Structures are given as C-alpha cells and as structure tokens.
Amino acid sequence: MATIETVYLGELRTSAKHVQSGKELITDAPVDNQGKGEAFSPTDLLSAALTSCMLTIMGIAARTHGIALEGTRVETTKIMQANPRKVAEIVVDFHFPASLQLEEKQRKLLSKAAETCPVYLSLDPAIKKTIHYNW
C-alpha cells in the first residue's frame, strides 16, 4: 500500500495525502522558480523533513533518558544552488528552553540522536548540513 498519494493540481501546485491518516498538504513552486510561493515548496518540505526527523529522534532519546525536550524550537534555512537547481545546504539552528539544564553527556546523546535520524542519513552527502545547538 502506498504511503502518500500526490495529485498535480495545475499552476505548479500539488496536493499530497498521507494515506494512513488522510491528512493533506499543498505544495507550490517558489516565486524564484515560476511559482506563487503560497505554500511549502518541495525543497522546503525536504528541509522540514530533516528538522522534524532530527527533533523526533531526539525526542525518543530524551524520553528514554528522562529529559524534558518540550519547547525546543528549530529554525531551518534552506540554501539553493543555481546550476543545477538543487538544495546545496540546510542550516539547522536548535534553540533549547532556558530551563533545560543539560550535562555534557546529555548534550552529546541528543546531538548524536539528531545526526543519526533517517532523513539525515538518507540525504545525499553533497547537501551540506550545518547544525548549531544553542544549549
């Protein structure tokens, strides 16, 4: 069974449905590539998939080790390359709550978890991943 069903809606827009949950999302080509930029672009979703995956795997490690990770925020910056047009770099800035006091061992545990998430490991090594942990 398929995981996602995607339909081209025209005007450089798609609708993707997560089959199991029925949840849908829209993508739109970015303004700098003939689109309207009214929704996530496919490369935005690639970047969001990376940070969502990193947070999820960190969350599993945090839960296992009794660390309260709630409220952690991530800012993601996607940097495109022109020729050929592709994602050249993804900059990930983690911002942890001020109340989260972590020992060095815990920080290493969480950063290792983040950098071994399936999306991180699946991305082409040519895509530079710049990660900042603002503990």
C-alpha atoms as a PDB file:
ATOM      1  CA  MET A   1       0.000   0.000   0.000  1.00  0.00           C
ATOM      2  CA  ALA A   2       1.227   3.478  -0.853  1.00  0.00           C
ATOM      3  CA  THR A   3       2.280   5.831   1.930  1.00  0.00           C
ATOM      4  CA  ILE A   4       1.442   9.069   0.085  1.00  0.00           C
ATOM      5  CA  GLU A   5      -0.852   9.902  -2.823  1.00  0.00           C
ATOM      6  CA  THR A   6       0.078  13.065  -4.708  1.00  0.00           C
ATOM      7  CA  VAL A   7      -2.025  14.842  -7.335  1.00  0.00           C
ATOM      8  CA  TYR A   8      -0.914  17.629  -9.662  1.00  0.00           C
ATOM      9  CA  LEU A   9      -3.459  20.447  -9.328  1.00  0.00           C
ATOM     10  CA  GLY A  10      -2.053  22.669 -12.073  1.00  0.00           C
ATOM     11  CA  GLU A  11      -0.323  26.025 -11.821  1.00  0.00           C
ATOM     12  CA  LEU A  12       2.773  24.297 -10.323  1.00  0.00           C
ATOM     13  CA  ARG A  13       0.802  23.123  -7.275  1.00  0.00           C
ATOM     14  CA  THR A  14       0.322  19.631  -5.838  1.00  0.00           C
ATOM     15  CA  SER A  15      -1.773  18.051  -3.124  1.00  0.00           C
ATOM     16  CA  ALA A  16      -0.229  15.202  -1.148  1.00  0.00           C
ATOM     17  CA  LYS A  17      -2.323  12.967   1.089  1.00  0.00           C
ATOM     18  CA  HIS A  18      -0.889  10.779   3.850  1.00  0.00           C
ATOM     19  CA  VAL A  19      -2.842   7.588   3.156  1.00  0.00           C
ATOM     20  CA  GLN A  20      -2.946   6.218   6.715  1.00  0.00           C
ATOM     21  CA  SER A  21      -4.211   9.416   8.375  1.00  0.00           C
ATOM     22  CA  GLY A  22      -5.905  11.158   5.461  1.00  0.00           C
ATOM     23  CA  LYS A  23      -4.054  14.393   6.288  1.00  0.00           C
ATOM     24  CA  GLU A  24      -3.260  16.546   3.267  1.00  0.00           C
ATOM     25  CA  LEU A  25      -0.749  19.222   2.411  1.00  0.00           C
ATOM     26  CA  ILE A  26      -0.285  21.513  -0.552  1.00  0.00           C
ATOM     27  CA  THR A  27       2.983  22.355  -2.257  1.00  0.00           C
ATOM     28  CA  ASP A  28       3.603  25.318  -4.503  1.00  0.00           C
ATOM     29  CA  ALA A  29       6.596  26.198  -6.627  1.00  0.00           C
ATOM     30  CA  PRO A  30       8.591  29.081  -5.125  1.00  0.00           C
ATOM     31  CA  VAL A  31       8.447  32.548  -6.628  1.00  0.00           C
ATOM     32  CA  ASP A  32      12.039  32.243  -7.818  1.00  0.00           C
ATOM     33  CA  ASN A  33      11.062  29.161  -9.848  1.00  0.00           C
ATOM     34  CA  GLN A  34       7.905  30.357 -11.629  1.00  0.00           C
ATOM     35  CA  GLY A  35       5.526  29.623  -8.744  1.00  0.00           C
ATOM     36  CA  LYS A  36       3.322  31.657  -6.461  1.00  0.00           C
ATOM     37  CA  GLY A  37       5.137  30.725  -3.245  1.00  0.00           C
ATOM     38  CA  GLU A  38       1.822  30.328  -1.425  1.00  0.00           C
ATOM     39  CA  ALA A  39       2.743  27.062   0.315  1.00  0.00           C
ATOM     40  CA  PHE A  40       5.745  24.922   1.141  1.00  0.00           C
ATOM     41  CA  SER A  41       7.834  24.103  -1.898  1.00  0.00           C
ATOM     42  CA  PRO A  42       9.034  20.514  -2.309  1.00  0.00           C
ATOM     43  CA  THR A  43      12.537  21.582  -1.241  1.00  0.00           C
ATOM     44  CA  ASP A  44      11.045  23.339   1.802  1.00  0.00           C
ATOM     45  CA  LEU A  45       9.465  20.003   2.726  1.00  0.00           C
ATOM     46  CA  LEU A  46      12.837  18.298   2.328  1.00  0.00           C
ATOM     47  CA  SER A  47      14.321  20.770   4.813  1.00  0.00           C
ATOM     48  CA  ALA A  48      11.345  20.460   7.164  1.00  0.00           C
ATOM     49  CA  ALA A  49      11.593  16.665   6.960  1.00  0.00           C
ATOM     50  CA  LEU A  50      15.187  16.891   8.135  1.00  0.00           C
ATOM     51  CA  THR A  51      14.461  19.046  11.184  1.00  0.00           C
ATOM     52  CA  SER A  52      11.256  17.186  12.075  1.00  0.00           C
ATOM     53  CA  CYS A  53      13.147  13.901  11.914  1.00  0.00           C
ATOM     54  CA  MET A  54      16.011  15.265  13.993  1.00  0.00           C
ATOM     55  CA  LEU A  55      13.603  16.507  16.677  1.00  0.00           C
ATOM     56  CA  THR A  56      11.651  13.249  16.650  1.00  0.00           C
ATOM     57  CA  ILE A  57      14.721  11.063  17.160  1.00  0.00           C
ATOM     58  CA  MET A  58      15.996  13.481  19.817  1.00  0.00           C
ATOM     59  CA  GLY A  59      12.563  13.197  21.435  1.00  0.00           C
ATOM     60  CA  ILE A  60      12.849   9.407  21.561  1.00  0.00           C
ATOM     61  CA  ALA A  61      16.285   9.667  23.183  1.00  0.00           C
ATOM     62  CA  ALA A  62      15.053  12.364  25.567  1.00  0.00           C
ATOM     63  CA  ARG A  63      12.050  10.301  26.629  1.00  0.00           C
ATOM     64  CA  THR A  64      14.260   7.227  27.167  1.00  0.00           C
ATOM     65  CA  HIS A  65      16.647   9.214  29.373  1.00  0.00           C
ATOM     66  CA  GLY A  66      14.126  11.370  31.252  1.00  0.00           C
ATOM     67  CA  ILE A  67      14.976  14.657  29.535  1.00  0.00           C
ATOM     68  CA  ALA A  68      12.144  17.172  29.054  1.00  0.00           C
ATOM     69  CA  LEU A  69      12.715  18.398  25.493  1.00  0.00           C
ATOM     70  CA  GLU A  70       9.342  20.139  25.120  1.00  0.00           C
ATOM     71  CA  GLY A  71       9.566  23.693  23.877  1.00  0.00           C
ATOM     72  CA  THR A  72      12.720  23.085  21.837  1.00  0.00           C
ATOM     73  CA  ARG A  73      12.482  25.164  18.677  1.00  0.00           C
ATOM     74  CA  VAL A  74      14.362  24.807  15.399  1.00  0.00           C
ATOM     75  CA  GLU A  75      14.983  27.439  12.739  1.00  0.00           C
ATOM     76  CA  THR A  76      15.798  25.934   9.353  1.00  0.00           C
ATOM     77  CA  THR A  77      17.384  27.794   6.440  1.00  0.00           C
ATOM     78  CA  LYS A  78      17.484  26.207   3.008  1.00  0.00           C
ATOM     79  CA  ILE A  79      20.184  27.421   0.633  1.00  0.00           C
ATOM     80  CA  MET A  80      19.654  26.664  -3.040  1.00  0.00           C
ATOM     81  CA  GLN A  81      22.255  26.189  -5.756  1.00  0.00           C
ATOM     82  CA  ALA A  82      21.502  27.585  -9.217  1.00  0.00           C
ATOM     83  CA  ASN A  83      23.035  25.205 -11.737  1.00  0.00           C
ATOM     84  CA  PRO A  84      21.847  22.547 -11.434  1.00  0.00           C
ATOM     85  CA  ARG A  85      18.994  23.821  -9.279  1.00  0.00           C
ATOM     86  CA  LYS A  86      19.094  21.858  -6.035  1.00  0.00           C
ATOM     87  CA  VAL A  87      19.436  22.217  -2.289  1.00  0.00           C
ATOM     88  CA  ALA A  88      23.098  22.977  -1.585  1.00  0.00           C
ATOM     89  CA  GLU A  89      22.917  23.435   2.179  1.00  0.00           C
ATOM     90  CA  ILE A  90      20.493  23.165   5.066  1.00  0.00           C
ATOM     91  CA  VAL A  91      21.312  25.239   8.149  1.00  0.00           C
ATOM     92  CA  VAL A  92      19.673  23.969  11.319  1.00  0.00           C
ATOM     93  CA  ASP A  93      19.600  26.132  14.462  1.00  0.00           C
ATOM     94  CA  PHE A  94      18.319  24.375  17.576  1.00  0.00           C
ATOM     95  CA  HIS A  95      17.064  26.620  20.386  1.00  0.00           C
ATOM     96  CA  PHE A  96      16.523  24.825  23.669  1.00  0.00           C
ATOM     97  CA  PRO A  97      14.426  26.232  26.520  1.00  0.00           C
ATOM     98  CA  ALA A  98      16.450  28.220  29.057  1.00  0.00           C
ATOM     99  CA  SER A  99      15.053  25.962  31.772  1.00  0.00           C
ATOM    100  CA  LEU A 100      16.657  22.901  30.168  1.00  0.00           C
ATOM    101  CA  GLN A 101      19.929  22.428  32.027  1.00  0.00           C
ATOM    102  CA  LEU A 102      21.841  19.610  30.338  1.00  0.00           C
ATOM    103  CA  GLU A 103      25.096  17.953  31.263  1.00  0.00           C
ATOM    104  CA  GLU A 104      27.690  17.459  28.508  1.00  0.00           C
ATOM    105  CA  LYS A 105      26.847  13.732  28.326  1.00  0.00           C
ATOM    106  CA  GLN A 106      23.171  14.551  27.697  1.00  0.00           C
ATOM    107  CA  ARG A 107      24.075  17.109  25.029  1.00  0.00           C
ATOM    108  CA  LYS A 108      26.203  14.543  23.201  1.00  0.00           C
ATOM    109  CA  LEU A 109      23.407  11.983  23.455  1.00  0.00           C
ATOM    110  CA  LEU A 110      20.878  14.378  21.919  1.00  0.00           C
ATOM    111  CA  SER A 111      23.159  15.690  19.179  1.00  0.00           C
ATOM    112  CA  LYS A 112      24.130  12.135  18.195  1.00  0.00           C
ATOM    113  CA  ALA A 113      20.459  11.160  18.084  1.00  0.00           C
ATOM    114  CA  ALA A 114      19.688  14.141  15.845  1.00  0.00           C
ATOM    115  CA  GLU A 115      22.530  13.397  13.459  1.00  0.00           C
ATOM    116  CA  THR A 116      21.578   9.750  13.080  1.00  0.00           C
ATOM    117  CA  CYS A 117      17.936  10.300  12.179  1.00  0.00           C
ATOM    118  CA  PRO A 118      16.803   8.504   8.995  1.00  0.00           C
ATOM    119  CA  VAL A 119      16.366  11.689   6.943  1.00  0.00           C
ATOM    120  CA  TYR A 120      19.815  12.997   7.904  1.00  0.00           C
ATOM    121  CA  LEU A 121      21.347   9.669   6.889  1.00  0.00           C
ATOM    122  CA  SER A 122      19.296   9.490   3.677  1.00  0.00           C
ATOM    123  CA  LEU A 123      20.269  12.902   2.312  1.00  0.00           C
ATOM    124  CA  ASP A 124      22.986  12.971  -0.324  1.00  0.00           C
ATOM    125  CA  PRO A 125      26.309  13.810   1.362  1.00  0.00           C
ATOM    126  CA  ALA A 126      26.698  16.608  -1.217  1.00  0.00           C
ATOM    127  CA  ILE A 127      23.990  18.520   0.674  1.00  0.00           C
ATOM    128  CA  LYS A 128      25.880  20.397   3.365  1.00  0.00           C
ATOM    129  CA  LYS A 129      24.226  20.168   6.762  1.00  0.00           C
ATOM    130  CA  THR A 130      25.263  22.942   9.155  1.00  0.00           C
ATOM    131  CA  ILE A 131      23.950  22.233  12.637  1.00  0.00           C
ATOM    132  CA  HIS A 132      24.031  24.684  15.574  1.00  0.00           C
ATOM    133  CA  TYR A 133      22.973  23.546  19.029  1.00  0.00           C
ATOM    134  CA  ASN A 134      22.126  26.580  21.136  1.00  0.00           C
ATOM    135  CA  TRP A 135      22.050  24.904  24.519  1.00  0.00           C
END
